[in-house]
Amino acid sequence: MRHYIIKRVVPIFLPWRKIRDFNCLACGVCCYNFKVPLKPHEAVMIVRNFGRKYITSSWGKQYITKGDGEPCPFLLRKGDLSLCTLQSLGMKPTACKVWPFYIFKRPAYGKEEEAYFSHKFGSFYVYVDQRCPGLIMGKPSLRLRETISEAIEIWLGTRREQDLTCSSRAALSTGVIQSLHWAGNSILTV
């Protein structure tokens, strides 16, 4: 079982044109290493369904509560798969859905021409967090362009479902996460 933990590394964002493709490996890097920001309605849904202890507030923003070096409390490990229990409930946060892509209306990390992405809903600047093990470097493929389009639509709120921005292995997890119950602070399968 592979387990990726990245300790306090400064994020290095690449413009999307440096990436050939992205395939989510369901490895859990994103679940272990990052603070998950929540939109207000996402925080409300988590509090209503799981309780206030799963939300932390800092500087006027809400995040999923997790200890330093600890995984997201909604992460379920099944063999070598890292699965999101919130995804199976239709509650996966937008930040999780679009990772490793960072989408902006203006350039944020330089390399403006390489980050520029034209979409039917406007112009965007897209960067990719190179710490994701599912990235393949090279000339962008048509599939990558479609994946970024999906991420932009999720980011804008015009789309909810994930097809290309999540693992096909995780999509098969519907049968794995059949029922949930609470045991202390953990979510376990039955």
Protein backbone atom coordinates (compact mmCIF):
# COMPACT_ATOMS: atom_id res chain seq x y z
CA MET A 1 0.00 0.00 0.00
CA ARG A 2 1.45 3.34 -1.04
CA HIS A 3 0.99 6.22 1.35
CA TYR A 4 2.07 9.71 0.37
CA ILE A 5 2.72 12.32 3.01
CA ILE A 6 4.27 15.64 2.13
CA LYS A 7 5.63 17.54 5.10
CA ARG A 8 5.48 21.33 5.02
CA VAL A 9 6.63 21.77 1.45
CA VAL A 10 6.14 25.16 -0.17
CA PRO A 11 3.61 24.61 -2.95
CA ILE A 12 5.01 24.87 -6.43
CA PHE A 13 2.36 25.75 -8.94
CA LEU A 14 2.92 25.09 -12.61
CA PRO A 15 0.89 26.64 -15.41
CA TRP A 16 -1.41 24.01 -16.91
CA ARG A 17 0.40 24.07 -20.27
CA LYS A 18 3.34 22.22 -18.64
CA ILE A 19 1.12 19.18 -17.97
CA ARG A 20 0.22 16.50 -20.54
CA ASP A 21 -2.48 14.82 -18.48
CA PHE A 22 -3.92 14.21 -15.04
CA ASN A 23 -5.24 10.92 -13.71
CA CYS A 24 -6.34 10.78 -10.09
CA LEU A 25 -4.68 7.78 -8.46
CA ALA A 26 -6.94 7.86 -5.35
CA CYS A 27 -3.67 7.96 -3.37
CA GLY A 28 -4.79 10.40 -0.67
CA VAL A 29 -2.04 13.05 -1.03
CA CYS A 30 -4.72 15.72 -1.16
CA CYS A 31 -6.50 14.25 1.89
CA TYR A 32 -3.38 14.20 4.07
CA ASN A 33 -1.47 17.31 3.23
CA PHE A 34 -3.77 20.24 2.72
CA LYS A 35 -6.11 22.46 4.67
CA VAL A 36 -9.53 22.15 2.99
CA PRO A 37 -11.33 25.50 2.62
CA LEU A 38 -15.10 25.31 2.55
CA LYS A 39 -17.72 27.47 0.90
CA PRO A 40 -20.35 28.61 3.44
CA HIS A 41 -23.01 26.16 2.20
CA GLU A 42 -20.48 23.29 2.34
CA ALA A 43 -19.65 24.11 5.98
CA VAL A 44 -23.36 24.23 6.85
CA MET A 45 -23.97 20.80 5.24
CA ILE A 46 -21.10 19.22 7.15
CA VAL A 47 -22.23 20.74 10.47
CA ARG A 48 -25.82 19.63 9.90
CA ASN A 49 -24.84 16.08 9.02
CA PHE A 50 -21.80 15.43 11.22
CA GLY A 51 -21.54 18.14 13.89
CA ARG A 52 -19.58 21.33 14.57
CA LYS A 53 -16.41 19.51 15.60
CA TYR A 54 -15.63 18.79 11.93
CA ILE A 55 -15.36 22.51 11.05
CA THR A 56 -12.62 24.93 12.08
CA SER A 57 -12.81 28.69 11.56
CA SER A 58 -9.77 30.83 10.89
CA TRP A 59 -9.64 34.43 9.67
CA GLY A 60 -13.32 34.37 8.73
CA LYS A 61 -13.04 31.18 6.65
CA GLN A 62 -14.16 27.65 7.43
CA TYR A 63 -12.06 24.54 6.97
CA ILE A 64 -12.45 20.82 7.61
CA THR A 65 -10.96 20.13 11.05
CA LYS A 66 -7.90 17.93 11.01
CA GLY A 67 -4.81 17.62 13.14
CA ASP A 68 -1.34 18.52 11.90
CA GLY A 69 -0.13 15.61 9.77
CA GLU A 70 -3.49 13.88 10.14
CA PRO A 71 -5.72 12.95 7.21
CA CYS A 72 -9.12 14.44 6.55
CA PRO A 73 -11.60 12.83 8.98
CA PHE A 74 -13.76 11.90 5.99
CA LEU A 75 -10.99 9.87 4.34
CA LEU A 76 -11.65 6.16 4.12
CA ARG A 77 -8.68 3.89 3.33
CA LYS A 78 -9.65 0.67 1.57
CA GLY A 79 -6.59 -1.29 0.50
CA ASP A 80 -4.50 1.06 -1.61
CA LEU A 81 -7.49 3.32 -2.30
CA SER A 82 -8.16 6.58 -0.52
CA LEU A 83 -11.87 7.28 -0.76
CA CYS A 84 -13.89 10.33 0.21
CA THR A 85 -16.96 9.52 2.25
CA LEU A 86 -18.28 13.03 1.55
CA GLN A 87 -18.15 12.28 -2.19
CA SER A 88 -20.31 9.19 -1.72
CA LEU A 89 -22.85 11.41 0.09
CA GLY A 90 -22.82 14.15 -2.56
CA MET A 91 -21.04 16.57 -0.18
CA LYS A 92 -17.45 16.64 -1.44
CA PRO A 93 -16.10 20.21 -1.08
CA THR A 94 -15.34 22.19 -4.23
CA ALA A 95 -11.67 22.62 -3.23
CA CYS A 96 -11.31 18.83 -3.12
CA LYS A 97 -13.12 18.34 -6.41
CA VAL A 98 -10.82 20.66 -8.34
CA TRP A 99 -7.46 19.75 -6.72
CA PRO A 100 -4.68 19.74 -8.06
CA PHE A 101 -6.01 22.60 -10.20
CA TYR A 102 -6.00 26.18 -8.92
CA ILE A 103 -8.27 28.44 -10.93
CA PHE A 104 -8.12 32.23 -10.99
CA LYS A 105 -9.66 35.09 -12.95
CA ARG A 106 -6.24 36.85 -12.99
CA PRO A 107 -2.71 35.42 -13.09
CA ALA A 108 -1.59 34.41 -9.61
CA TYR A 109 1.73 32.58 -9.93
CA GLY A 110 3.32 34.18 -12.99
CA LYS A 111 3.73 32.60 -16.44
CA GLU A 112 0.55 34.32 -17.58
CA GLU A 113 0.57 33.02 -21.18
CA GLU A 114 1.11 29.40 -20.11
CA ALA A 115 -1.58 29.63 -17.41
CA TYR A 116 -4.22 31.26 -19.63
CA PHE A 117 -7.23 29.04 -20.39
CA SER A 118 -10.13 30.09 -22.60
CA HIS A 119 -13.44 28.54 -21.59
CA LYS A 120 -17.01 29.04 -22.79
CA PHE A 121 -17.68 30.89 -19.51
CA GLY A 122 -14.72 33.27 -19.86
CA SER A 123 -10.98 33.57 -19.44
CA PHE A 124 -9.16 31.88 -16.58
CA TYR A 125 -5.64 31.27 -15.33
CA VAL A 126 -5.08 27.69 -14.29
CA TYR A 127 -2.16 26.39 -12.27
CA VAL A 128 -1.45 22.85 -11.15
CA ASP A 129 0.05 21.74 -7.84
CA GLN A 130 2.98 19.61 -8.93
CA ARG A 131 2.90 17.61 -5.70
CA CYS A 132 0.07 15.51 -7.14
CA PRO A 133 1.45 12.08 -8.15
CA GLY A 134 -1.24 11.77 -10.86
CA LEU A 135 0.27 14.46 -13.09
CA ILE A 136 2.00 13.56 -16.32
CA MET A 137 4.33 16.24 -17.66
CA GLY A 138 4.44 17.24 -21.33
CA LYS A 139 2.41 18.88 -24.07
CA PRO A 140 -1.26 19.19 -22.99
CA SER A 141 -3.61 16.51 -24.28
CA LEU A 142 -7.21 17.03 -25.35
CA ARG A 143 -8.24 15.02 -22.28
CA LEU A 144 -6.39 17.48 -20.00
CA ARG A 145 -8.24 20.39 -21.64
CA GLU A 146 -11.53 18.59 -21.01
CA THR A 147 -10.51 17.90 -17.40
CA ILE A 148 -9.67 21.58 -16.83
CA SER A 149 -12.99 22.61 -18.39
CA GLU A 150 -14.75 20.30 -15.93
CA ALA A 151 -12.74 21.75 -13.01
CA ILE A 152 -13.64 25.31 -14.05
CA GLU A 153 -17.33 24.45 -14.24
CA ILE A 154 -17.18 22.85 -10.79
CA TRP A 155 -15.30 25.89 -9.45
CA LEU A 156 -17.93 28.23 -10.93
CA GLY A 157 -20.77 26.11 -9.51
CA THR A 158 -22.30 25.33 -12.92
CA ARG A 159 -21.49 21.64 -12.53
CA ARG A 160 -21.56 19.27 -9.54
CA GLU A 161 -20.63 15.84 -10.87
CA GLN A 162 -17.06 14.74 -11.42
CA ASP A 163 -16.04 12.58 -14.33
CA LEU A 164 -12.46 13.49 -15.25
CA THR A 165 -11.41 15.28 -12.04
CA CYS A 166 -11.66 12.19 -9.83
CA SER A 167 -10.31 8.68 -9.98
CA SER A 168 -12.17 6.08 -11.98
CA ARG A 169 -11.04 3.73 -9.19
CA ALA A 170 -12.77 5.99 -6.66
CA ALA A 171 -15.87 6.04 -8.84
CA LEU A 172 -15.98 2.27 -8.42
CA SER A 173 -15.99 2.80 -4.65
CA THR A 174 -19.75 3.22 -4.49
CA GLY A 175 -19.97 -0.46 -3.62
CA VAL A 176 -17.18 -0.12 -1.05
CA ILE A 177 -18.90 2.65 0.90
CA GLN A 178 -22.23 0.93 1.40
CA SER A 179 -23.10 2.11 4.87
CA LEU A 180 -21.46 4.42 7.34
CA HIS A 181 -21.53 4.60 11.08
CA TRP A 182 -19.67 6.63 13.66
CA ALA A 183 -17.09 5.25 16.07
CA GLY A 184 -15.62 8.12 18.05
CA ASN A 185 -14.24 10.58 15.52
CA SER A 186 -13.87 8.10 12.67
CA ILE A 187 -16.10 7.04 9.82
CA LEU A 188 -15.93 3.28 9.24
CA THR A 189 -17.49 0.92 6.75
CA VAL A 190 -19.68 -1.85 7.99
